[in-house]
PDB file of all heavy atoms in Angstrom:
ATOM      1  N   ALA A   1       0.905  -1.229   0.009  1.00  0.00           N
ATOM      2  CA  ALA A   1      -0.059  -0.002  -0.016  1.00  0.00           C
ATOM      3  C   ALA A   1       0.914   1.226  -0.029  1.00  0.00           C
ATOM      4  O   ALA A   1       0.891   2.089   0.969  1.00  0.00           O
ATOM      5  CB  ALA A   1      -0.945  -0.027   1.186  1.00  0.00           C
ATOM      6  N   LEU A   2       1.724   1.421  -1.048  1.00  0.00           N
ATOM      7  CA  LEU A   2       2.527   2.538  -1.255  1.00  0.00           C
ATOM      8  C   LEU A   2       2.125   3.431  -2.394  1.00  0.00           C
ATOM      9  O   LEU A   2       1.672   2.925  -3.441  1.00  0.00           O
ATOM     10  CB  LEU A   2       4.020   2.107  -1.380  1.00  0.00           C
ATOM     11  CG  LEU A   2       4.597   1.297  -0.269  1.00  0.00           C
ATOM     12  CD1 LEU A   2       6.008   0.817  -0.723  1.00  0.00           C
ATOM     13  CD2 LEU A   2       4.662   2.029   1.014  1.00  0.00           C
ATOM     14  N   ALA A   3       2.172   4.743  -2.230  1.00  0.00           N
ATOM     15  CA  ALA A   3       1.768   5.644  -3.231  1.00  0.00           C
ATOM     16  C   ALA A   3       2.919   6.045  -4.091  1.00  0.00           C
ATOM     17  O   ALA A   3       3.995   6.286  -3.515  1.00  0.00           O
ATOM     18  CB  ALA A   3       1.038   6.848  -2.709  1.00  0.00           C
ATOM     19  N   TRP A   4       2.787   6.169  -5.437  1.00  0.00           N
ATOM     20  CA  TRP A   4       3.783   6.571  -6.346  1.00  0.00           C
ATOM     21  C   TRP A   4       3.620   8.057  -6.614  1.00  0.00           C
ATOM     22  O   TRP A   4       2.485   8.572  -6.804  1.00  0.00           O
ATOM     23  CB  TRP A   4       3.733   5.775  -7.618  1.00  0.00           C
ATOM     24  CG  TRP A   4       4.091   4.375  -7.461  1.00  0.00           C
ATOM     25  CD1 TRP A   4       3.226   3.297  -7.199  1.00  0.00           C
ATOM     26  CD2 TRP A   4       5.419   3.796  -7.560  1.00  0.00           C
ATOM     27  NE1 TRP A   4       3.877   2.148  -7.121  1.00  0.00           N
ATOM     28  CE2 TRP A   4       5.275   2.421  -7.351  1.00  0.00           C
ATOM     29  CE3 TRP A   4       6.644   4.326  -7.685  1.00  0.00           C
ATOM     30  CZ2 TRP A   4       6.343   1.545  -7.310  1.00  0.00           C
ATOM     31  CZ3 TRP A   4       7.738   3.468  -7.656  1.00  0.00           C
ATOM     32  CH2 TRP A   4       7.607   2.076  -7.555  1.00  0.00           C
ATOM     33  N   ALA A   5       4.763   8.839  -6.693  1.00  0.00           N
ATOM     34  CA  ALA A   5       4.775  10.197  -7.032  1.00  0.00           C
ATOM     35  C   ALA A   5       5.829  10.516  -8.011  1.00  0.00           C
ATOM     36  O   ALA A   5       6.898   9.862  -7.989  1.00  0.00           O
ATOM     37  CB  ALA A   5       4.947  11.068  -5.731  1.00  0.00           C
ATOM     38  N   SER A   6       5.632  11.438  -8.894  1.00  0.00           N
ATOM     39  CA  SER A   6       6.598  11.957  -9.873  1.00  0.00           C
ATOM     40  C   SER A   6       7.633  12.810  -9.253  1.00  0.00           C
ATOM     41  O   SER A   6       7.176  13.862  -8.762  1.00  0.00           O
ATOM     42  CB  SER A   6       5.910  12.578 -11.072  1.00  0.00           C
ATOM     43  OG  SER A   6       5.077  11.712 -11.760  1.00  0.00           O
ATOM     44  N   VAL A   7       8.845  12.463  -9.279  1.00  0.00           N
ATOM     45  CA  VAL A   7       9.939  13.267  -8.645  1.00  0.00           C
ATOM     46  C   VAL A   7      11.100  13.266  -9.654  1.00  0.00           C
ATOM     47  O   VAL A   7      11.711  12.156  -9.876  1.00  0.00           O
ATOM     48  CB  VAL A   7      10.413  12.698  -7.271  1.00  0.00           C
ATOM     49  CG1 VAL A   7      11.370  13.566  -6.726  1.00  0.00           C
ATOM     50  CG2 VAL A   7       9.177  12.605  -6.352  1.00  0.00           C
ATOM     51  N   GLY A   8      11.462  14.384 -10.199  1.00  0.00           N
ATOM     52  CA  GLY A   8      12.646  14.517 -11.042  1.00  0.00           C
ATOM     53  C   GLY A   8      12.689  13.520 -12.170  1.00  0.00           C
ATOM     54  O   GLY A   8      13.709  12.960 -12.458  1.00  0.00           O
ATOM     55  N   GLY A   9      11.543  13.355 -12.931  1.00  0.00           N
ATOM     56  CA  GLY A   9      11.568  12.424 -14.096  1.00  0.00           C
ATOM     57  C   GLY A   9      11.422  11.011 -13.726  1.00  0.00           C
ATOM     58  O   GLY A   9      11.551  10.146 -14.636  1.00  0.00           O
ATOM     59  N   ALA A  10      11.172  10.625 -12.458  1.00  0.00           N
ATOM     60  CA  ALA A  10      11.082   9.230 -12.067  1.00  0.00           C
ATOM     61  C   ALA A  10       9.768   9.115 -11.208  1.00  0.00           C
ATOM     62  O   ALA A  10       9.278  10.067 -10.682  1.00  0.00           O
ATOM     63  CB  ALA A  10      12.275   8.843 -11.230  1.00  0.00           C
ATOM     64  N   GLN A  11       9.336   7.833 -11.037  1.00  0.00           N
ATOM     65  CA  GLN A  11       8.266   7.509 -10.122  1.00  0.00           C
ATOM     66  C   GLN A  11       8.913   6.980  -8.770  1.00  0.00           C
ATOM     67  O   GLN A  11       9.639   6.050  -8.906  1.00  0.00           O
ATOM     68  CB  GLN A  11       7.332   6.477 -10.767  1.00  0.00           C
ATOM     69  CG  GLN A  11       6.550   7.045 -11.962  1.00  0.00           C
ATOM     70  CD  GLN A  11       5.542   8.074 -11.640  1.00  0.00           C
ATOM     71  OE1 GLN A  11       4.771   7.924 -10.652  1.00  0.00           O
ATOM     72  NE2 GLN A  11       5.512   9.198 -12.353  1.00  0.00           N
ATOM     73  N   VAL A  12       8.532   7.601  -7.734  1.00  0.00           N
ATOM     74  CA  VAL A  12       9.146   7.295  -6.431  1.00  0.00           C
ATOM     75  C   VAL A  12       8.050   6.899  -5.421  1.00  0.00           C
ATOM     76  O   VAL A  12       7.031   7.636  -5.386  1.00  0.00           O
ATOM     77  CB  VAL A  12       9.963   8.444  -5.849  1.00  0.00           C
ATOM     78  CG1 VAL A  12      10.584   8.115  -4.512  1.00  0.00           C
ATOM     79  CG2 VAL A  12      11.145   8.786  -6.853  1.00  0.00           C
ATOM     80  N   ALA A  13       8.274   5.867  -4.704  1.00  0.00           N
ATOM     81  CA  ALA A  13       7.289   5.397  -3.583  1.00  0.00           C
ATOM     82  C   ALA A  13       8.130   5.298  -2.351  1.00  0.00           C
ATOM     83  O   ALA A  13       9.212   4.711  -2.339  1.00  0.00           O
ATOM     84  CB  ALA A  13       6.633   4.122  -3.926  1.00  0.00           C
ATOM     85  N   ARG A  14       7.726   6.006  -1.282  1.00  0.00           N
ATOM     86  CA  ARG A  14       8.460   6.032   0.012  1.00  0.00           C
ATOM     87  C   ARG A  14       7.744   5.215   1.063  1.00  0.00           C
ATOM     88  O   ARG A  14       6.478   5.212   1.135  1.00  0.00           O
ATOM     89  CB  ARG A  14       8.637   7.445   0.491  1.00  0.00           C
ATOM     90  CG  ARG A  14       9.395   8.389  -0.461  1.00  0.00           C
ATOM     91  CD  ARG A  14       9.682   9.691   0.144  1.00  0.00           C
ATOM     92  NE  ARG A  14      10.402  10.567  -0.788  1.00  0.00           N
ATOM     93  CZ  ARG A  14       9.876  11.595  -1.411  1.00  0.00           C
ATOM     94  NH1 ARG A  14       8.614  11.871  -1.269  1.00  0.00           N
ATOM     95  NH2 ARG A  14      10.631  12.366  -2.242  1.00  0.00           N
ATOM     96  N   GLY A  15       8.501   4.534   1.950  1.00  0.00           N
ATOM     97  CA  GLY A  15       7.941   3.731   2.986  1.00  0.00           C
ATOM     98  C   GLY A  15       8.833   3.640   4.175  1.00  0.00           C
ATOM     99  O   GLY A  15       9.934   4.103   4.189  1.00  0.00           O
ATOM    100  N   GLY A  16       8.296   3.014   5.249  1.00  0.00           N
ATOM    101  CA  GLY A  16       9.056   2.812   6.454  1.00  0.00           C
ATOM    102  C   GLY A  16       8.985   1.485   6.985  1.00  0.00           C
ATOM    103  O   GLY A  16       8.423   0.560   6.375  1.00  0.00           O
ATOM    104  N   LEU A  17       9.463   1.264   8.266  1.00  0.00           N
ATOM    105  CA  LEU A  17       9.472  -0.054   8.766  1.00  0.00           C
ATOM    106  C   LEU A  17       8.090  -0.631   9.070  1.00  0.00           C
ATOM    107  O   LEU A  17       7.936  -1.843   8.892  1.00  0.00           O
ATOM    108  CB  LEU A  17      10.180   0.023  10.202  1.00  0.00           C
ATOM    109  CG  LEU A  17      11.690  -0.354  10.167  1.00  0.00           C
ATOM    110  CD1 LEU A  17      12.389   0.702   9.420  1.00  0.00           C
ATOM    111  CD2 LEU A  17      12.184  -0.468  11.499  1.00  0.00           C
ATOM    112  N   SER A  18       7.076   0.199   9.246  1.00  0.00           N
ATOM    113  CA  SER A  18       5.737  -0.360   9.467  1.00  0.00           C
ATOM    114  C   SER A  18       5.181  -1.011   8.224  1.00  0.00           C
ATOM    115  O   SER A  18       4.484  -1.948   8.234  1.00  0.00           O
ATOM    116  CB  SER A  18       4.796   0.842   9.875  1.00  0.00           C
ATOM    117  OG  SER A  18       4.728   1.873   8.922  1.00  0.00           O
ATOM    118  N   ASP A  19       5.638  -0.495   7.029  1.00  0.00           N
ATOM    119  CA  ASP A  19       5.132  -1.064   5.728  1.00  0.00           C
ATOM    120  C   ASP A  19       5.793  -2.468   5.579  1.00  0.00           C
ATOM    121  O   ASP A  19       5.104  -3.405   5.147  1.00  0.00           O
ATOM    122  CB  ASP A  19       5.572  -0.190   4.628  1.00  0.00           C
ATOM    123  CG  ASP A  19       4.831   1.174   4.708  1.00  0.00           C
ATOM    124  OD1 ASP A  19       3.603   1.198   4.570  1.00  0.00           O
ATOM    125  OD2 ASP A  19       5.527   2.188   4.881  1.00  0.00           O
ATOM    126  N   LEU A  20       7.098  -2.535   5.884  1.00  0.00           N
ATOM    127  CA  LEU A  20       7.761  -3.885   5.775  1.00  0.00           C
ATOM    128  C   LEU A  20       7.293  -4.803   6.810  1.00  0.00           C
ATOM    129  O   LEU A  20       7.104  -5.998   6.457  1.00  0.00           O
ATOM    130  CB  LEU A  20       9.344  -3.646   5.938  1.00  0.00           C
ATOM    131  CG  LEU A  20       9.926  -2.676   4.940  1.00  0.00           C
ATOM    132  CD1 LEU A  20      11.451  -2.443   5.300  1.00  0.00           C
ATOM    133  CD2 LEU A  20       9.815  -3.203   3.495  1.00  0.00           C
ATOM    134  N   THR A  21       6.918  -4.374   7.971  1.00  0.00           N
ATOM    135  CA  THR A  21       6.388  -5.244   9.002  1.00  0.00           C
ATOM    136  C   THR A  21       5.094  -5.810   8.558  1.00  0.00           C
ATOM    137  O   THR A  21       4.618  -6.971   8.750  1.00  0.00           O
ATOM    138  CB  THR A  21       6.328  -4.610  10.349  1.00  0.00           C
ATOM    139  OG1 THR A  21       7.616  -4.161  10.650  1.00  0.00           O
ATOM    140  CG2 THR A  21       5.833  -5.475  11.403  1.00  0.00           C
ATOM    141  N   ALA A  22       4.160  -4.871   8.014  1.00  0.00           N
ATOM    142  CA  ALA A  22       2.795  -5.296   7.533  1.00  0.00           C
ATOM    143  C   ALA A  22       2.830  -6.312   6.429  1.00  0.00           C
ATOM    144  O   ALA A  22       1.930  -7.155   6.332  1.00  0.00           O
ATOM    145  CB  ALA A  22       2.050  -4.033   7.149  1.00  0.00           C
ATOM    146  N   LEU A  23       3.865  -6.258   5.575  1.00  0.00           N
ATOM    147  CA  LEU A  23       4.015  -7.162   4.490  1.00  0.00           C
ATOM    148  C   LEU A  23       4.654  -8.505   4.928  1.00  0.00           C
ATOM    149  O   LEU A  23       4.865  -9.351   4.121  1.00  0.00           O
ATOM    150  CB  LEU A  23       4.843  -6.559   3.355  1.00  0.00           C
ATOM    151  CG  LEU A  23       4.258  -5.403   2.648  1.00  0.00           C
ATOM    152  CD1 LEU A  23       5.338  -4.698   1.763  1.00  0.00           C
ATOM    153  CD2 LEU A  23       3.053  -5.841   1.842  1.00  0.00           C
ATOM    154  N   GLY A  24       5.062  -8.566   6.179  1.00  0.00           N
ATOM    155  CA  GLY A  24       5.620  -9.813   6.717  1.00  0.00           C
ATOM    156  C   GLY A  24       7.113  -9.969   6.351  1.00  0.00           C
ATOM    157  O   GLY A  24       7.683 -11.116   6.401  1.00  0.00           O
ATOM    158  N   LEU A  25       7.715  -8.865   5.957  1.00  0.00           N
ATOM    159  CA  LEU A  25       9.162  -8.855   5.504  1.00  0.00           C
ATOM    160  C   LEU A  25      10.101  -8.656   6.698  1.00  0.00           C
ATOM    161  O   LEU A  25      11.273  -8.816   6.489  1.00  0.00           O
ATOM    162  CB  LEU A  25       9.369  -7.842   4.419  1.00  0.00           C
ATOM    163  CG  LEU A  25       8.493  -8.073   3.143  1.00  0.00           C
ATOM    164  CD1 LEU A  25       8.685  -6.945   2.198  1.00  0.00           C
ATOM    165  CD2 LEU A  25       8.778  -9.414   2.479  1.00  0.00           C
TER     166      LEU A  25
END
């Protein structure tokens, strides 16, 4: 559940430890 945003000609999605924990990683 990460959102993509246009930054400097690229698509960037930012996340943290809670996202990795929720995915079981």
